[in-house]
């Protein structure tokens, strides 16, 4: 187990313990446990900001592991080690996002500026993914911030991107350097 895997495993294990203490239910890294995690986050909505940050790191690691294990292959990119910079990067499709950012928004039940919860996609894929997500129809704002809904959006994006990737022979793999190049190019355009 490398350092990133160890750090994520520790945070996710902390999430499992915390949720079990509050709800009496043990999370098992399946999509079916995401509503339980949402319920737990409702308990910390009014907690101090440092508690919310810790819960976001733990629940984001757990959520990211659910996504990685069920929709991957994907790997963690930890950046400088600050949980706000943790990203999940898919290998068979170009899709990256911050599970901790999604957790921050799940706690706040609103968009959190700079959270990284949005999808990083290649510009050529954005319209197709947007159109695929619109097939879900309107989602109530409160539901949008639930882990289960976010999981379904990620699942739809992965499916859409995988369909697009089937056009490429041989199949492409997106390694850590492909995502690093994307971040450098994006940052260059923004500055």
C-alpha atoms as a PDB file:
ATOM      1  CA  UNK A   1       0.000   0.000   0.000  1.00  0.00           C
ATOM      2  CA  UNK A   2       1.475   3.353  -1.018  1.00  0.00           C
ATOM      3  CA  UNK A   3       1.284   6.543   1.069  1.00  0.00           C
ATOM      4  CA  UNK A   4      -1.811   7.905  -0.728  1.00  0.00           C
ATOM      5  CA  UNK A   5      -3.676   4.612  -0.324  1.00  0.00           C
ATOM      6  CA  UNK A   6      -2.722   4.478   3.367  1.00  0.00           C
ATOM      7  CA  UNK A   7      -3.905   8.037   4.045  1.00  0.00           C
ATOM      8  CA  UNK A   8      -7.211   7.472   2.248  1.00  0.00           C
ATOM      9  CA  UNK A   9      -7.706   4.119   4.029  1.00  0.00           C
ATOM     10  CA  UNK A  10      -7.171   5.792   7.429  1.00  0.00           C
ATOM     11  CA  UNK A  11      -9.609   8.613   6.674  1.00  0.00           C
ATOM     12  CA  UNK A  12     -12.237   6.215   5.287  1.00  0.00           C
ATOM     13  CA  UNK A  13     -11.836   3.928   8.326  1.00  0.00           C
ATOM     14  CA  UNK A  14     -12.361   6.964  10.563  1.00  0.00           C
ATOM     15  CA  UNK A  15     -15.549   7.722   8.656  1.00  0.00           C
ATOM     16  CA  UNK A  16     -16.812   4.160   9.088  1.00  0.00           C
ATOM     17  CA  UNK A  17     -16.191   4.307  12.851  1.00  0.00           C
ATOM     18  CA  UNK A  18     -17.776   7.741  13.271  1.00  0.00           C
ATOM     19  CA  UNK A  19     -20.885   6.793  11.301  1.00  0.00           C
ATOM     20  CA  UNK A  20     -21.257   3.536  13.211  1.00  0.00           C
ATOM     21  CA  UNK A  21     -21.045   5.393  16.556  1.00  0.00           C
ATOM     22  CA  UNK A  22     -23.806   7.787  15.534  1.00  0.00           C
ATOM     23  CA  UNK A  23     -26.088   5.535  13.491  1.00  0.00           C
ATOM     24  CA  UNK A  24     -25.270   2.018  14.681  1.00  0.00           C
ATOM     25  CA  UNK A  25     -24.742   0.977  11.037  1.00  0.00           C
ATOM     26  CA  UNK A  26     -21.391  -0.072   9.622  1.00  0.00           C
ATOM     27  CA  UNK A  27     -20.591   1.256   6.158  1.00  0.00           C
ATOM     28  CA  UNK A  28     -19.336  -1.349   3.676  1.00  0.00           C
ATOM     29  CA  UNK A  29     -18.059   0.612   0.649  1.00  0.00           C
ATOM     30  CA  UNK A  30     -21.211   0.052  -1.386  1.00  0.00           C
ATOM     31  CA  UNK A  31     -23.474   2.562  -3.064  1.00  0.00           C
ATOM     32  CA  UNK A  32     -26.295   1.362  -0.783  1.00  0.00           C
ATOM     33  CA  UNK A  33     -24.566   2.929   2.248  1.00  0.00           C
ATOM     34  CA  UNK A  34     -24.487   6.451   0.822  1.00  0.00           C
ATOM     35  CA  UNK A  35     -27.898   7.452   2.290  1.00  0.00           C
ATOM     36  CA  UNK A  36     -26.570   6.470   5.729  1.00  0.00           C
ATOM     37  CA  UNK A  37     -23.569   8.718   5.148  1.00  0.00           C
ATOM     38  CA  UNK A  38     -25.931  11.546   4.128  1.00  0.00           C
ATOM     39  CA  UNK A  39     -27.872  11.046   7.364  1.00  0.00           C
ATOM     40  CA  UNK A  40     -24.640  11.237   9.359  1.00  0.00           C
ATOM     41  CA  UNK A  41     -23.644  14.483   7.627  1.00  0.00           C
ATOM     42  CA  UNK A  42     -26.948  15.989   8.706  1.00  0.00           C
ATOM     43  CA  UNK A  43     -25.739  15.546  12.282  1.00  0.00           C
ATOM     44  CA  UNK A  44     -22.667  17.764  11.693  1.00  0.00           C
ATOM     45  CA  UNK A  45     -24.251  20.537   9.627  1.00  0.00           C
ATOM     46  CA  UNK A  46     -24.178  22.933  12.579  1.00  0.00           C
ATOM     47  CA  UNK A  47     -20.863  21.727  14.059  1.00  0.00           C
ATOM     48  CA  UNK A  48     -17.781  23.931  14.327  1.00  0.00           C
ATOM     49  CA  UNK A  49     -15.930  24.507  11.059  1.00  0.00           C
ATOM     50  CA  UNK A  50     -12.901  22.430  12.145  1.00  0.00           C
ATOM     51  CA  UNK A  51     -15.219  19.480  12.876  1.00  0.00           C
ATOM     52  CA  UNK A  52     -16.882  19.942   9.493  1.00  0.00           C
ATOM     53  CA  UNK A  53     -13.468  19.964   7.788  1.00  0.00           C
ATOM     54  CA  UNK A  54     -12.470  16.698   9.469  1.00  0.00           C
ATOM     55  CA  UNK A  55     -15.817  15.070   8.667  1.00  0.00           C
ATOM     56  CA  UNK A  56     -15.530  16.269   5.045  1.00  0.00           C
ATOM     57  CA  UNK A  57     -12.055  14.712   4.739  1.00  0.00           C
ATOM     58  CA  UNK A  58     -13.224  11.401   6.239  1.00  0.00           C
ATOM     59  CA  UNK A  59     -16.529  11.182   4.377  1.00  0.00           C
ATOM     60  CA  UNK A  60     -14.914  12.376   1.140  1.00  0.00           C
ATOM     61  CA  UNK A  61     -12.319   9.613   1.431  1.00  0.00           C
ATOM     62  CA  UNK A  62     -15.074   7.064   2.049  1.00  0.00           C
ATOM     63  CA  UNK A  63     -17.199   8.364  -0.844  1.00  0.00           C
ATOM     64  CA  UNK A  64     -14.178   8.423  -3.140  1.00  0.00           C
ATOM     65  CA  UNK A  65     -13.410   4.825  -2.220  1.00  0.00           C
ATOM     66  CA  UNK A  66     -16.980   3.770  -3.006  1.00  0.00           C
ATOM     67  CA  UNK A  67     -16.645   5.428  -6.417  1.00  0.00           C
ATOM     68  CA  UNK A  68     -13.142   4.065  -7.046  1.00  0.00           C
ATOM     69  CA  UNK A  69     -14.079   0.518  -6.105  1.00  0.00           C
ATOM     70  CA  UNK A  70     -17.342   0.390  -8.032  1.00  0.00           C
ATOM     71  CA  UNK A  71     -16.773   2.649 -11.050  1.00  0.00           C
ATOM     72  CA  UNK A  72     -12.980   2.538 -11.476  1.00  0.00           C
ATOM     73  CA  UNK A  73     -10.289   1.904 -12.295  1.00  0.00           C
ATOM     74  CA  UNK A  74      -9.315   5.169 -10.674  1.00  0.00           C
ATOM     75  CA  UNK A  75      -6.496   6.388  -8.466  1.00  0.00           C
ATOM     76  CA  UNK A  76      -6.081   9.058  -5.838  1.00  0.00           C
ATOM     77  CA  UNK A  77      -4.046  12.206  -6.420  1.00  0.00           C
ATOM     78  CA  UNK A  78      -3.307  13.831  -3.061  1.00  0.00           C
ATOM     79  CA  UNK A  79      -1.539  16.977  -4.257  1.00  0.00           C
ATOM     80  CA  UNK A  80       0.226  18.651  -1.349  1.00  0.00           C
ATOM     81  CA  UNK A  81      -1.552  16.443   1.179  1.00  0.00           C
ATOM     82  CA  UNK A  82      -4.270  18.967   2.016  1.00  0.00           C
ATOM     83  CA  UNK A  83      -7.589  17.077   1.801  1.00  0.00           C
ATOM     84  CA  UNK A  84      -9.011  19.977  -0.240  1.00  0.00           C
ATOM     85  CA  UNK A  85      -6.567  18.994  -2.992  1.00  0.00           C
ATOM     86  CA  UNK A  86      -7.402  15.260  -3.000  1.00  0.00           C
ATOM     87  CA  UNK A  87      -8.713  14.217  -6.409  1.00  0.00           C
ATOM     88  CA  UNK A  88      -9.957  10.969  -7.817  1.00  0.00           C
ATOM     89  CA  UNK A  89      -8.624  10.396 -11.349  1.00  0.00           C
ATOM     90  CA  UNK A  90     -10.088   7.728 -13.616  1.00  0.00           C
ATOM     91  CA  UNK A  91      -7.761   5.670 -15.770  1.00  0.00           C
ATOM     92  CA  UNK A  92      -9.990   4.447 -18.637  1.00  0.00           C
ATOM     93  CA  UNK A  93     -11.796   7.773 -19.121  1.00  0.00           C
ATOM     94  CA  UNK A  94     -10.682  11.339 -18.505  1.00  0.00           C
ATOM     95  CA  UNK A  95     -12.648  12.391 -15.432  1.00  0.00           C
ATOM     96  CA  UNK A  96     -11.429  13.842 -12.171  1.00  0.00           C
ATOM     97  CA  UNK A  97     -13.118  15.466  -9.170  1.00  0.00           C
ATOM     98  CA  UNK A  98     -12.645  16.142  -5.474  1.00  0.00           C
ATOM     99  CA  UNK A  99     -14.554  13.707  -3.233  1.00  0.00           C
ATOM    100  CA  UNK A 100     -13.733  15.956  -0.258  1.00  0.00           C
ATOM    101  CA  UNK A 101     -15.228  18.886  -2.164  1.00  0.00           C
ATOM    102  CA  UNK A 102     -18.377  16.857  -2.748  1.00  0.00           C
ATOM    103  CA  UNK A 103     -18.465  16.089   0.982  1.00  0.00           C
ATOM    104  CA  UNK A 104     -18.085  19.782   1.857  1.00  0.00           C
ATOM    105  CA  UNK A 105     -21.051  20.572  -0.376  1.00  0.00           C
ATOM    106  CA  UNK A 106     -23.025  17.660   1.111  1.00  0.00           C
ATOM    107  CA  UNK A 107     -22.494  19.131   4.587  1.00  0.00           C
ATOM    108  CA  UNK A 108     -23.319  22.695   3.533  1.00  0.00           C
ATOM    109  CA  UNK A 109     -26.160  21.563   1.199  1.00  0.00           C
ATOM    110  CA  UNK A 110     -24.996  24.216  -1.230  1.00  0.00           C
ATOM    111  CA  UNK A 111     -22.194  24.914  -3.660  1.00  0.00           C
ATOM    112  CA  UNK A 112     -18.911  25.652  -1.923  1.00  0.00           C
ATOM    113  CA  UNK A 113     -16.689  27.951  -3.965  1.00  0.00           C
ATOM    114  CA  UNK A 114     -13.303  26.412  -4.701  1.00  0.00           C
ATOM    115  CA  UNK A 115     -14.274  22.984  -3.362  1.00  0.00           C
ATOM    116  CA  UNK A 116     -13.266  21.154  -6.534  1.00  0.00           C
ATOM    117  CA  UNK A 117     -16.517  19.188  -6.502  1.00  0.00           C
ATOM    118  CA  UNK A 118     -17.036  19.891 -10.213  1.00  0.00           C
ATOM    119  CA  UNK A 119     -15.906  17.424 -12.887  1.00  0.00           C
ATOM    120  CA  UNK A 120     -12.611  18.035 -14.627  1.00  0.00           C
ATOM    121  CA  UNK A 121     -13.190  16.910 -18.208  1.00  0.00           C
ATOM    122  CA  UNK A 122     -11.428  17.453 -21.494  1.00  0.00           C
ATOM    123  CA  UNK A 123     -13.110  20.349 -23.326  1.00  0.00           C
ATOM    124  CA  UNK A 124     -14.110  18.008 -26.161  1.00  0.00           C
ATOM    125  CA  UNK A 125     -16.100  15.812 -23.714  1.00  0.00           C
ATOM    126  CA  UNK A 126     -17.935  18.492 -21.733  1.00  0.00           C
ATOM    127  CA  UNK A 127     -20.968  18.880 -23.983  1.00  0.00           C
ATOM    128  CA  UNK A 128     -21.571  15.126 -24.229  1.00  0.00           C
ATOM    129  CA  UNK A 129     -21.380  14.687 -20.448  1.00  0.00           C
ATOM    130  CA  UNK A 130     -23.630  17.700 -19.860  1.00  0.00           C
ATOM    131  CA  UNK A 131     -26.221  16.291 -22.292  1.00  0.00           C
ATOM    132  CA  UNK A 132     -26.049  12.853 -20.625  1.00  0.00           C
ATOM    133  CA  UNK A 133     -26.586  14.379 -17.190  1.00  0.00           C
ATOM    134  CA  UNK A 134     -29.564  16.381 -18.437  1.00  0.00           C
ATOM    135  CA  UNK A 135     -31.295  13.067 -19.183  1.00  0.00           C
ATOM    136  CA  UNK A 136     -31.845  12.780 -15.424  1.00  0.00           C
ATOM    137  CA  UNK A 137     -34.137  15.787 -15.604  1.00  0.00           C
ATOM    138  CA  UNK A 138     -34.377  18.385 -12.896  1.00  0.00           C
ATOM    139  CA  UNK A 139     -33.077  17.462  -9.469  1.00  0.00           C
ATOM    140  CA  UNK A 140     -34.268  19.240  -6.360  1.00  0.00           C
ATOM    141  CA  UNK A 141     -31.456  21.374  -4.999  1.00  0.00           C
ATOM    142  CA  UNK A 142     -31.427  19.590  -1.651  1.00  0.00           C
ATOM    143  CA  UNK A 143     -31.180  16.210  -3.386  1.00  0.00           C
ATOM    144  CA  UNK A 144     -28.356  17.374  -5.655  1.00  0.00           C
ATOM    145  CA  UNK A 145     -25.977  17.574  -2.694  1.00  0.00           C
ATOM    146  CA  UNK A 146     -26.692  14.013  -1.520  1.00  0.00           C
ATOM    147  CA  UNK A 147     -23.976  11.446  -2.064  1.00  0.00           C
ATOM    148  CA  UNK A 148     -26.341   9.033  -3.812  1.00  0.00           C
ATOM    149  CA  UNK A 149     -27.274  11.608  -6.456  1.00  0.00           C
ATOM    150  CA  UNK A 150     -23.651  12.620  -6.934  1.00  0.00           C
ATOM    151  CA  UNK A 151     -22.726   8.953  -7.308  1.00  0.00           C
ATOM    152  CA  UNK A 152     -25.363   8.533 -10.032  1.00  0.00           C
ATOM    153  CA  UNK A 153     -24.049  11.623 -11.854  1.00  0.00           C
ATOM    154  CA  UNK A 154     -20.506  10.262 -11.724  1.00  0.00           C
ATOM    155  CA  UNK A 155     -21.736   6.865 -12.915  1.00  0.00           C
ATOM    156  CA  UNK A 156     -23.525   8.507 -15.869  1.00  0.00           C
ATOM    157  CA  UNK A 157     -20.441  10.577 -16.730  1.00  0.00           C
ATOM    158  CA  UNK A 158     -18.186   7.498 -16.602  1.00  0.00           C
ATOM    159  CA  UNK A 159     -20.595   5.542 -18.802  1.00  0.00           C
ATOM    160  CA  UNK A 160     -20.818   8.391 -21.334  1.00  0.00           C
ATOM    161  CA  UNK A 161     -17.062   8.841 -21.439  1.00  0.00           C
ATOM    162  CA  UNK A 162     -16.462   5.082 -21.731  1.00  0.00           C
ATOM    163  CA  UNK A 163     -18.792   4.995 -24.735  1.00  0.00           C
ATOM    164  CA  UNK A 164     -16.786   7.802 -26.329  1.00  0.00           C
ATOM    165  CA  UNK A 165     -13.496   6.038 -25.560  1.00  0.00           C
ATOM    166  CA  UNK A 166     -14.676   2.907 -27.374  1.00  0.00           C
ATOM    167  CA  UNK A 167     -14.073   4.851 -30.602  1.00  0.00           C
ATOM    168  CA  UNK A 168     -10.327   4.852 -29.916  1.00  0.00           C
ATOM    169  CA  UNK A 169      -8.235   1.866 -30.917  1.00  0.00           C
ATOM    170  CA  UNK A 170      -6.161   0.989 -29.071  1.00  0.00           C
ATOM    171  CA  UNK A 171      -8.025   2.063 -25.939  1.00  0.00           C
ATOM    172  CA  UNK A 172      -6.377   4.988 -24.189  1.00  0.00           C
ATOM    173  CA  UNK A 173      -5.274   5.027 -20.575  1.00  0.00           C
ATOM    174  CA  UNK A 174      -5.055   8.267 -18.635  1.00  0.00           C
ATOM    175  CA  UNK A 175      -2.111   8.263 -16.267  1.00  0.00           C
ATOM    176  CA  UNK A 176      -1.154  10.736 -13.561  1.00  0.00           C
ATOM    177  CA  UNK A 177       0.885  12.763 -16.070  1.00  0.00           C
ATOM    178  CA  UNK A 178      -2.162  13.280 -18.338  1.00  0.00           C
ATOM    179  CA  UNK A 179      -4.019  14.854 -15.409  1.00  0.00           C
ATOM    180  CA  UNK A 180      -0.972  16.891 -14.357  1.00  0.00           C
ATOM    181  CA  UNK A 181      -0.738  18.275 -17.921  1.00  0.00           C
ATOM    182  CA  UNK A 182      -4.448  19.096 -17.836  1.00  0.00           C
ATOM    183  CA  UNK A 183      -4.075  20.994 -14.526  1.00  0.00           C
ATOM    184  CA  UNK A 184      -1.003  22.898 -15.808  1.00  0.00           C
ATOM    185  CA  UNK A 185      -2.770  23.866 -19.038  1.00  0.00           C
ATOM    186  CA  UNK A 186      -5.931  24.904 -17.168  1.00  0.00           C
ATOM    187  CA  UNK A 187      -3.947  26.969 -14.661  1.00  0.00           C
ATOM    188  CA  UNK A 188      -2.034  28.646 -17.504  1.00  0.00           C
ATOM    189  CA  UNK A 189      -5.320  29.632 -19.179  1.00  0.00           C
ATOM    190  CA  UNK A 190      -6.734  31.001 -15.913  1.00  0.00           C
ATOM    191  CA  UNK A 191      -3.743  33.257 -15.224  1.00  0.00           C
END
